[in-house]
Amino acid sequence: MMFYRPILSIFAALLLLALGAGGYYLLQTLSGPKVAVVGSIIGFGGRKWQVLEIQDGRALIISQNVLESRLYHSSNNAITWENCDLRHYLNNEFYNSFAKKDRERIPETRNGNPNNPWYGANGGNPTVDKIFLLSLEEVSKYFGDSGQLDNRPSNATHYINDQYNSARMTRDKDGDAAGWWLRSPGHSSDYAAYISDGGLVYVIGNLGSNGGLRPALWLNL
């Protein structure tokens, strides 16, 4: 049995050389506890991320926790995701905070930006992003869909309060429950939808205060 360990080590080294930049990640995946499967938490760029989807050698990931608090936009005027300050920050300063080898693993993603499904507010043009926020539709897809987004309950005037609240809840760097921004518009184009610290989906939106930043991105595996 003592001969197996050196042989396996040589095999792992050869595999790493053959696969290049993605080799280390694959060796982690094969080892077991760091497998990137939907729902798992992986490390990337010095941060922890939750895996939402895997397809075609890529994983859609979102930060496990709120990373910081920022305004969606600096002024209270009609704005869409395409032109808001938060998108500019994510795709410039935040993106550039990653090391070069990590930036090379983040592909551009074409995102649709649907109108608000309850209020009809304009979602704006499709965008091409490296880093982005989830939309209302993506939150329903990845964190649980009670059907309320597509079929607004008669008693739901502002938000979705359902059995998936706990799945949408997260914390900030101090360990406190924290809300987080979405890229979808709220009830008008000067508001943006968000998730409350209790996990409620505020379809009506907010804008005039700082909100939690929970970035998402596609990662080449």
C-alpha atoms as a PDB file:
ATOM      1  CA  MET A   1       0.000   0.000   0.000  1.00  0.00           C
ATOM      2  CA  MET A   2       2.965   2.357   0.582  1.00  0.00           C
ATOM      3  CA  PHE A   3       3.633   2.520  -3.180  1.00  0.00           C
ATOM      4  CA  TYR A   4       0.188   3.854  -4.052  1.00  0.00           C
ATOM      5  CA  ARG A   5       0.650   7.317  -2.551  1.00  0.00           C
ATOM      6  CA  PRO A   6       3.681   8.330  -4.695  1.00  0.00           C
ATOM      7  CA  ILE A   7       1.975   6.967  -7.796  1.00  0.00           C
ATOM      8  CA  LEU A   8      -1.171   8.980  -7.057  1.00  0.00           C
ATOM      9  CA  SER A   9       0.922  12.090  -6.411  1.00  0.00           C
ATOM     10  CA  ILE A  10       2.682  11.718  -9.766  1.00  0.00           C
ATOM     11  CA  PHE A  11      -0.686  11.198 -11.482  1.00  0.00           C
ATOM     12  CA  ALA A  12      -2.100  14.335  -9.815  1.00  0.00           C
ATOM     13  CA  ALA A  13       0.912  16.400 -10.889  1.00  0.00           C
ATOM     14  CA  LEU A  14       0.653  15.212 -14.484  1.00  0.00           C
ATOM     15  CA  LEU A  15      -3.068  15.952 -14.492  1.00  0.00           C
ATOM     16  CA  LEU A  16      -2.431  19.439 -13.160  1.00  0.00           C
ATOM     17  CA  LEU A  17       0.123  20.144 -15.904  1.00  0.00           C
ATOM     18  CA  ALA A  18      -2.199  18.800 -18.577  1.00  0.00           C
ATOM     19  CA  LEU A  19      -5.166  20.910 -17.519  1.00  0.00           C
ATOM     20  CA  GLY A  20      -3.284  24.133 -16.938  1.00  0.00           C
ATOM     21  CA  ALA A  21      -5.072  26.895 -14.969  1.00  0.00           C
ATOM     22  CA  GLY A  22      -8.170  24.786 -14.374  1.00  0.00           C
ATOM     23  CA  GLY A  23      -6.209  21.834 -13.066  1.00  0.00           C
ATOM     24  CA  TYR A  24      -6.012  22.910  -9.449  1.00  0.00           C
ATOM     25  CA  TYR A  25      -9.745  23.484  -9.335  1.00  0.00           C
ATOM     26  CA  LEU A  26     -10.447  20.035 -10.790  1.00  0.00           C
ATOM     27  CA  LEU A  27      -8.124  18.349  -8.299  1.00  0.00           C
ATOM     28  CA  GLN A  28     -10.020  20.103  -5.530  1.00  0.00           C
ATOM     29  CA  THR A  29     -13.259  18.852  -7.039  1.00  0.00           C
ATOM     30  CA  LEU A  30     -12.019  15.277  -7.206  1.00  0.00           C
ATOM     31  CA  SER A  31     -10.878  15.386  -3.589  1.00  0.00           C
ATOM     32  CA  GLY A  32     -14.464  15.485  -2.324  1.00  0.00           C
ATOM     33  CA  PRO A  33     -15.236  18.241   0.186  1.00  0.00           C
ATOM     34  CA  LYS A  34     -14.710  21.133  -2.251  1.00  0.00           C
ATOM     35  CA  VAL A  35     -16.883  19.769  -5.044  1.00  0.00           C
ATOM     36  CA  ALA A  36     -18.767  22.510  -6.860  1.00  0.00           C
ATOM     37  CA  VAL A  37     -22.316  21.249  -6.807  1.00  0.00           C
ATOM     38  CA  VAL A  38     -25.487  23.299  -6.664  1.00  0.00           C
ATOM     39  CA  GLY A  39     -25.940  24.556  -3.118  1.00  0.00           C
ATOM     40  CA  SER A  40     -22.311  24.082  -2.096  1.00  0.00           C
ATOM     41  CA  ILE A  41     -20.002  26.854  -0.876  1.00  0.00           C
ATOM     42  CA  ILE A  42     -16.719  27.338  -2.724  1.00  0.00           C
ATOM     43  CA  GLY A  43     -13.808  29.706  -2.341  1.00  0.00           C
ATOM     44  CA  PHE A  44     -12.863  32.088  -5.146  1.00  0.00           C
ATOM     45  CA  GLY A  45     -10.888  35.308  -5.121  1.00  0.00           C
ATOM     46  CA  GLY A  46     -10.521  35.244  -1.348  1.00  0.00           C
ATOM     47  CA  ARG A  47     -14.293  35.165  -0.808  1.00  0.00           C
ATOM     48  CA  LYS A  48     -16.914  32.475  -0.234  1.00  0.00           C
ATOM     49  CA  TRP A  49     -19.588  31.844  -2.853  1.00  0.00           C
ATOM     50  CA  GLN A  50     -22.759  29.803  -3.085  1.00  0.00           C
ATOM     51  CA  VAL A  51     -23.175  27.729  -6.249  1.00  0.00           C
ATOM     52  CA  LEU A  52     -26.566  28.347  -7.889  1.00  0.00           C
ATOM     53  CA  GLU A  53     -26.211  26.503 -11.204  1.00  0.00           C
ATOM     54  CA  ILE A  54     -23.665  24.520 -13.210  1.00  0.00           C
ATOM     55  CA  GLN A  55     -23.752  24.210 -16.985  1.00  0.00           C
ATOM     56  CA  ASP A  56     -21.273  23.784 -19.831  1.00  0.00           C
ATOM     57  CA  GLY A  57     -18.205  23.879 -17.595  1.00  0.00           C
ATOM     58  CA  ARG A  58     -19.288  27.053 -15.801  1.00  0.00           C
ATOM     59  CA  ALA A  59     -20.870  27.740 -12.427  1.00  0.00           C
ATOM     60  CA  LEU A  60     -23.191  30.595 -11.534  1.00  0.00           C
ATOM     61  CA  ILE A  61     -22.139  31.750  -8.082  1.00  0.00           C
ATOM     62  CA  ILE A  62     -23.297  34.420  -5.630  1.00  0.00           C
ATOM     63  CA  SER A  63     -21.428  35.678  -2.590  1.00  0.00           C
ATOM     64  CA  GLN A  64     -22.414  33.655   0.455  1.00  0.00           C
ATOM     65  CA  ASN A  65     -22.881  36.824   2.497  1.00  0.00           C
ATOM     66  CA  VAL A  66     -23.321  40.539   1.926  1.00  0.00           C
ATOM     67  CA  LEU A  67     -19.870  41.935   1.207  1.00  0.00           C
ATOM     68  CA  GLU A  68     -20.541  45.628   1.790  1.00  0.00           C
ATOM     69  CA  SER A  69     -23.276  48.247   1.850  1.00  0.00           C
ATOM     70  CA  ARG A  70     -23.723  50.671  -1.043  1.00  0.00           C
ATOM     71  CA  LEU A  71     -26.283  52.883  -2.766  1.00  0.00           C
ATOM     72  CA  TYR A  72     -27.894  51.477  -5.901  1.00  0.00           C
ATOM     73  CA  HIS A  73     -27.526  54.900  -7.497  1.00  0.00           C
ATOM     74  CA  SER A  74     -26.272  58.218  -6.176  1.00  0.00           C
ATOM     75  CA  SER A  75     -29.349  60.247  -7.147  1.00  0.00           C
ATOM     76  CA  ASN A  76     -33.067  59.565  -6.835  1.00  0.00           C
ATOM     77  CA  ASN A  77     -33.991  59.709 -10.480  1.00  0.00           C
ATOM     78  CA  ALA A  78     -35.283  57.184 -13.008  1.00  0.00           C
ATOM     79  CA  ILE A  79     -32.506  54.675 -13.640  1.00  0.00           C
ATOM     80  CA  THR A  80     -32.141  51.131 -14.907  1.00  0.00           C
ATOM     81  CA  TRP A  81     -29.526  48.499 -14.148  1.00  0.00           C
ATOM     82  CA  GLU A  82     -27.699  49.408 -17.367  1.00  0.00           C
ATOM     83  CA  ASN A  83     -26.782  52.891 -16.144  1.00  0.00           C
ATOM     84  CA  CYS A  84     -26.814  52.643 -12.350  1.00  0.00           C
ATOM     85  CA  ASP A  85     -23.776  53.373 -10.189  1.00  0.00           C
ATOM     86  CA  LEU A  86     -23.807  49.899  -8.668  1.00  0.00           C
ATOM     87  CA  ARG A  87     -23.362  48.175 -12.035  1.00  0.00           C
ATOM     88  CA  HIS A  88     -20.468  50.509 -12.857  1.00  0.00           C
ATOM     89  CA  TYR A  89     -18.836  49.752  -9.504  1.00  0.00           C
ATOM     90  CA  LEU A  90     -19.211  45.977  -9.845  1.00  0.00           C
ATOM     91  CA  ASN A  91     -17.798  45.815 -13.368  1.00  0.00           C
ATOM     92  CA  ASN A  92     -14.900  48.134 -12.674  1.00  0.00           C
ATOM     93  CA  GLU A  93     -13.570  48.611  -9.139  1.00  0.00           C
ATOM     94  CA  PHE A  94     -14.985  45.366  -7.740  1.00  0.00           C
ATOM     95  CA  TYR A  95     -14.003  43.289 -10.794  1.00  0.00           C
ATOM     96  CA  ASN A  96     -10.481  44.706 -10.692  1.00  0.00           C
ATOM     97  CA  SER A  97     -10.130  43.718  -7.028  1.00  0.00           C
ATOM     98  CA  PHE A  98      -9.669  40.120  -8.242  1.00  0.00           C
ATOM     99  CA  ALA A  99      -6.216  38.878  -9.166  1.00  0.00           C
ATOM    100  CA  LYS A 100      -5.501  38.635 -12.907  1.00  0.00           C
ATOM    101  CA  LYS A 101      -5.667  34.828 -12.889  1.00  0.00           C
ATOM    102  CA  ASP A 102      -9.124  35.024 -11.281  1.00  0.00           C
ATOM    103  CA  ARG A 103     -10.387  37.734 -13.636  1.00  0.00           C
ATOM    104  CA  GLU A 104      -9.503  35.468 -16.544  1.00  0.00           C
ATOM    105  CA  ARG A 105     -11.994  32.895 -15.240  1.00  0.00           C
ATOM    106  CA  ILE A 106     -14.931  35.344 -15.224  1.00  0.00           C
ATOM    107  CA  PRO A 107     -16.629  35.429 -18.657  1.00  0.00           C
ATOM    108  CA  GLU A 108     -18.907  38.139 -19.932  1.00  0.00           C
ATOM    109  CA  THR A 109     -22.602  37.336 -19.478  1.00  0.00           C
ATOM    110  CA  ARG A 110     -25.521  38.735 -21.451  1.00  0.00           C
ATOM    111  CA  ASN A 111     -28.286  39.510 -18.963  1.00  0.00           C
ATOM    112  CA  GLY A 112     -31.894  40.222 -19.749  1.00  0.00           C
ATOM    113  CA  ASN A 113     -33.531  42.915 -17.645  1.00  0.00           C
ATOM    114  CA  PRO A 114     -37.295  42.291 -17.609  1.00  0.00           C
ATOM    115  CA  ASN A 115     -39.826  44.871 -16.499  1.00  0.00           C
ATOM    116  CA  ASN A 116     -41.130  44.611 -12.954  1.00  0.00           C
ATOM    117  CA  PRO A 117     -43.737  41.796 -13.072  1.00  0.00           C
ATOM    118  CA  TRP A 118     -46.105  43.465 -10.580  1.00  0.00           C
ATOM    119  CA  TYR A 119     -45.836  47.143 -11.475  1.00  0.00           C
ATOM    120  CA  GLY A 120     -44.569  47.129 -15.062  1.00  0.00           C
ATOM    121  CA  ALA A 121     -41.625  49.470 -14.401  1.00  0.00           C
ATOM    122  CA  ASN A 122     -39.069  49.473 -17.200  1.00  0.00           C
ATOM    123  CA  GLY A 123     -36.148  47.084 -16.698  1.00  0.00           C
ATOM    124  CA  GLY A 124     -34.055  48.644 -19.451  1.00  0.00           C
ATOM    125  CA  ASN A 125     -31.890  47.153 -22.160  1.00  0.00           C
ATOM    126  CA  PRO A 126     -30.099  43.801 -21.954  1.00  0.00           C
ATOM    127  CA  THR A 127     -26.590  44.222 -20.573  1.00  0.00           C
ATOM    128  CA  VAL A 128     -23.259  42.437 -20.899  1.00  0.00           C
ATOM    129  CA  ASP A 129     -21.705  42.070 -17.470  1.00  0.00           C
ATOM    130  CA  LYS A 130     -18.785  40.401 -15.783  1.00  0.00           C
ATOM    131  CA  ILE A 131     -20.295  40.915 -12.322  1.00  0.00           C
ATOM    132  CA  PHE A 132     -23.971  41.510 -11.724  1.00  0.00           C
ATOM    133  CA  LEU A 133     -26.870  41.310  -9.284  1.00  0.00           C
ATOM    134  CA  LEU A 134     -29.624  38.730  -9.516  1.00  0.00           C
ATOM    135  CA  SER A 135     -32.993  39.699 -10.955  1.00  0.00           C
ATOM    136  CA  LEU A 136     -36.379  39.035  -9.350  1.00  0.00           C
ATOM    137  CA  GLU A 137     -36.857  36.122 -11.735  1.00  0.00           C
ATOM    138  CA  GLU A 138     -33.472  34.621 -10.869  1.00  0.00           C
ATOM    139  CA  VAL A 139     -34.157  34.852  -7.141  1.00  0.00           C
ATOM    140  CA  SER A 140     -37.348  32.852  -7.686  1.00  0.00           C
ATOM    141  CA  LYS A 141     -35.496  30.342  -9.856  1.00  0.00           C
ATOM    142  CA  TYR A 142     -32.551  29.722  -7.552  1.00  0.00           C
ATOM    143  CA  PHE A 143     -33.916  30.327  -4.041  1.00  0.00           C
ATOM    144  CA  GLY A 144     -37.415  28.861  -4.367  1.00  0.00           C
ATOM    145  CA  ASP A 145     -40.512  29.765  -6.342  1.00  0.00           C
ATOM    146  CA  SER A 146     -43.849  29.920  -4.526  1.00  0.00           C
ATOM    147  CA  GLY A 147     -45.528  31.235  -7.680  1.00  0.00           C
ATOM    148  CA  GLN A 148     -46.224  34.645  -6.152  1.00  0.00           C
ATOM    149  CA  LEU A 149     -43.935  36.551  -8.496  1.00  0.00           C
ATOM    150  CA  ASP A 150     -45.914  35.438 -11.551  1.00  0.00           C
ATOM    151  CA  ASN A 151     -49.269  35.358  -9.764  1.00  0.00           C
ATOM    152  CA  ARG A 152     -49.403  38.256  -7.325  1.00  0.00           C
ATOM    153  CA  PRO A 153     -51.578  37.415  -4.297  1.00  0.00           C
ATOM    154  CA  SER A 154     -54.474  39.795  -3.727  1.00  0.00           C
ATOM    155  CA  ASN A 155     -53.185  40.650  -0.240  1.00  0.00           C
ATOM    156  CA  ALA A 156     -49.556  41.201  -1.326  1.00  0.00           C
ATOM    157  CA  THR A 157     -49.186  44.939  -1.729  1.00  0.00           C
ATOM    158  CA  HIS A 158     -45.416  45.307  -1.539  1.00  0.00           C
ATOM    159  CA  TYR A 159     -43.499  42.062  -1.083  1.00  0.00           C
ATOM    160  CA  ILE A 160     -43.366  38.268  -1.292  1.00  0.00           C
ATOM    161  CA  ASN A 161     -43.486  36.580   2.091  1.00  0.00           C
ATOM    162  CA  ASP A 162     -43.376  32.811   1.618  1.00  0.00           C
ATOM    163  CA  GLN A 163     -41.815  29.504   2.699  1.00  0.00           C
ATOM    164  CA  TYR A 164     -38.499  30.445   1.069  1.00  0.00           C
ATOM    165  CA  ASN A 165     -37.721  33.461   3.272  1.00  0.00           C
ATOM    166  CA  SER A 166     -35.014  31.553   5.151  1.00  0.00           C
ATOM    167  CA  ALA A 167     -33.299  30.456   1.919  1.00  0.00           C
ATOM    168  CA  ARG A 168     -32.973  34.102   0.865  1.00  0.00           C
ATOM    169  CA  MET A 169     -31.657  35.326   4.211  1.00  0.00           C
ATOM    170  CA  THR A 170     -27.979  36.107   4.600  1.00  0.00           C
ATOM    171  CA  ARG A 171     -25.631  38.046   6.878  1.00  0.00           C
ATOM    172  CA  ASP A 172     -23.116  40.860   6.672  1.00  0.00           C
ATOM    173  CA  LYS A 173     -19.445  40.789   7.666  1.00  0.00           C
ATOM    174  CA  ASP A 174     -20.403  41.399  11.305  1.00  0.00           C
ATOM    175  CA  GLY A 175     -22.706  38.380  11.354  1.00  0.00           C
ATOM    176  CA  ASP A 176     -25.919  40.406  11.432  1.00  0.00           C
ATOM    177  CA  ALA A 177     -28.909  39.642   9.208  1.00  0.00           C
ATOM    178  CA  ALA A 178     -28.706  41.855   6.115  1.00  0.00           C
ATOM    179  CA  GLY A 179     -30.813  42.724   3.088  1.00  0.00           C
ATOM    180  CA  TRP A 180     -29.421  42.778  -0.454  1.00  0.00           C
ATOM    181  CA  TRP A 181     -30.061  44.524  -3.758  1.00  0.00           C
ATOM    182  CA  LEU A 182     -31.457  42.995  -6.949  1.00  0.00           C
ATOM    183  CA  ARG A 183     -30.959  44.506 -10.397  1.00  0.00           C
ATOM    184  CA  SER A 184     -34.693  44.539 -11.250  1.00  0.00           C
ATOM    185  CA  PRO A 185     -36.662  47.791 -11.037  1.00  0.00           C
ATOM    186  CA  GLY A 186     -39.160  48.350  -8.234  1.00  0.00           C
ATOM    187  CA  HIS A 187     -42.597  49.890  -8.633  1.00  0.00           C
ATOM    188  CA  SER A 188     -41.067  52.666 -10.740  1.00  0.00           C
ATOM    189  CA  SER A 189     -37.741  53.184 -12.477  1.00  0.00           C
ATOM    190  CA  ASP A 190     -36.319  55.236  -9.619  1.00  0.00           C
ATOM    191  CA  TYR A 191     -36.556  52.200  -7.308  1.00  0.00           C
ATOM    192  CA  ALA A 192     -34.724  48.856  -7.343  1.00  0.00           C
ATOM    193  CA  ALA A 193     -36.048  45.570  -5.977  1.00  0.00           C
ATOM    194  CA  TYR A 194     -34.316  44.040  -2.982  1.00  0.00           C
ATOM    195  CA  ILE A 195     -34.382  41.256  -0.400  1.00  0.00           C
ATOM    196  CA  SER A 196     -35.020  42.312   3.198  1.00  0.00           C
ATOM    197  CA  ASP A 197     -32.956  41.117   6.150  1.00  0.00           C
ATOM    198  CA  GLY A 198     -35.813  38.723   6.902  1.00  0.00           C
ATOM    199  CA  GLY A 199     -35.707  37.210   3.406  1.00  0.00           C
ATOM    200  CA  LEU A 200     -38.815  38.951   2.039  1.00  0.00           C
ATOM    201  CA  VAL A 201     -38.749  39.903  -1.648  1.00  0.00           C
ATOM    202  CA  TYR A 202     -39.578  43.608  -1.858  1.00  0.00           C
ATOM    203  CA  VAL A 203     -40.958  43.741  -5.392  1.00  0.00           C
ATOM    204  CA  ILE A 204     -41.949  47.362  -4.712  1.00  0.00           C
ATOM    205  CA  GLY A 205     -38.271  48.200  -4.295  1.00  0.00           C
ATOM    206  CA  ASN A 206     -36.206  50.867  -2.604  1.00  0.00           C
ATOM    207  CA  LEU A 207     -33.509  53.322  -3.654  1.00  0.00           C
ATOM    208  CA  GLY A 208     -32.781  56.133  -1.226  1.00  0.00           C
ATOM    209  CA  SER A 209     -30.675  54.149   1.274  1.00  0.00           C
ATOM    210  CA  ASN A 210     -27.648  51.892   1.369  1.00  0.00           C
ATOM    211  CA  GLY A 211     -28.338  48.248   0.652  1.00  0.00           C
ATOM    212  CA  GLY A 212     -26.344  45.052   0.873  1.00  0.00           C
ATOM    213  CA  LEU A 213     -24.124  44.026  -2.017  1.00  0.00           C
ATOM    214  CA  ARG A 214     -24.275  40.349  -2.926  1.00  0.00           C
ATOM    215  CA  PRO A 215     -22.539  40.024  -6.302  1.00  0.00           C
ATOM    216  CA  ALA A 216     -23.085  37.162  -8.742  1.00  0.00           C
ATOM    217  CA  LEU A 217     -20.962  35.925 -11.635  1.00  0.00           C
ATOM    218  CA  TRP A 218     -20.405  32.994 -13.965  1.00  0.00           C
ATOM    219  CA  LEU A 219     -17.130  31.194 -13.244  1.00  0.00           C
ATOM    220  CA  ASN A 220     -15.217  29.068 -15.726  1.00  0.00           C
ATOM    221  CA  LEU A 221     -14.417  25.804 -13.996  1.00  0.00           C
END
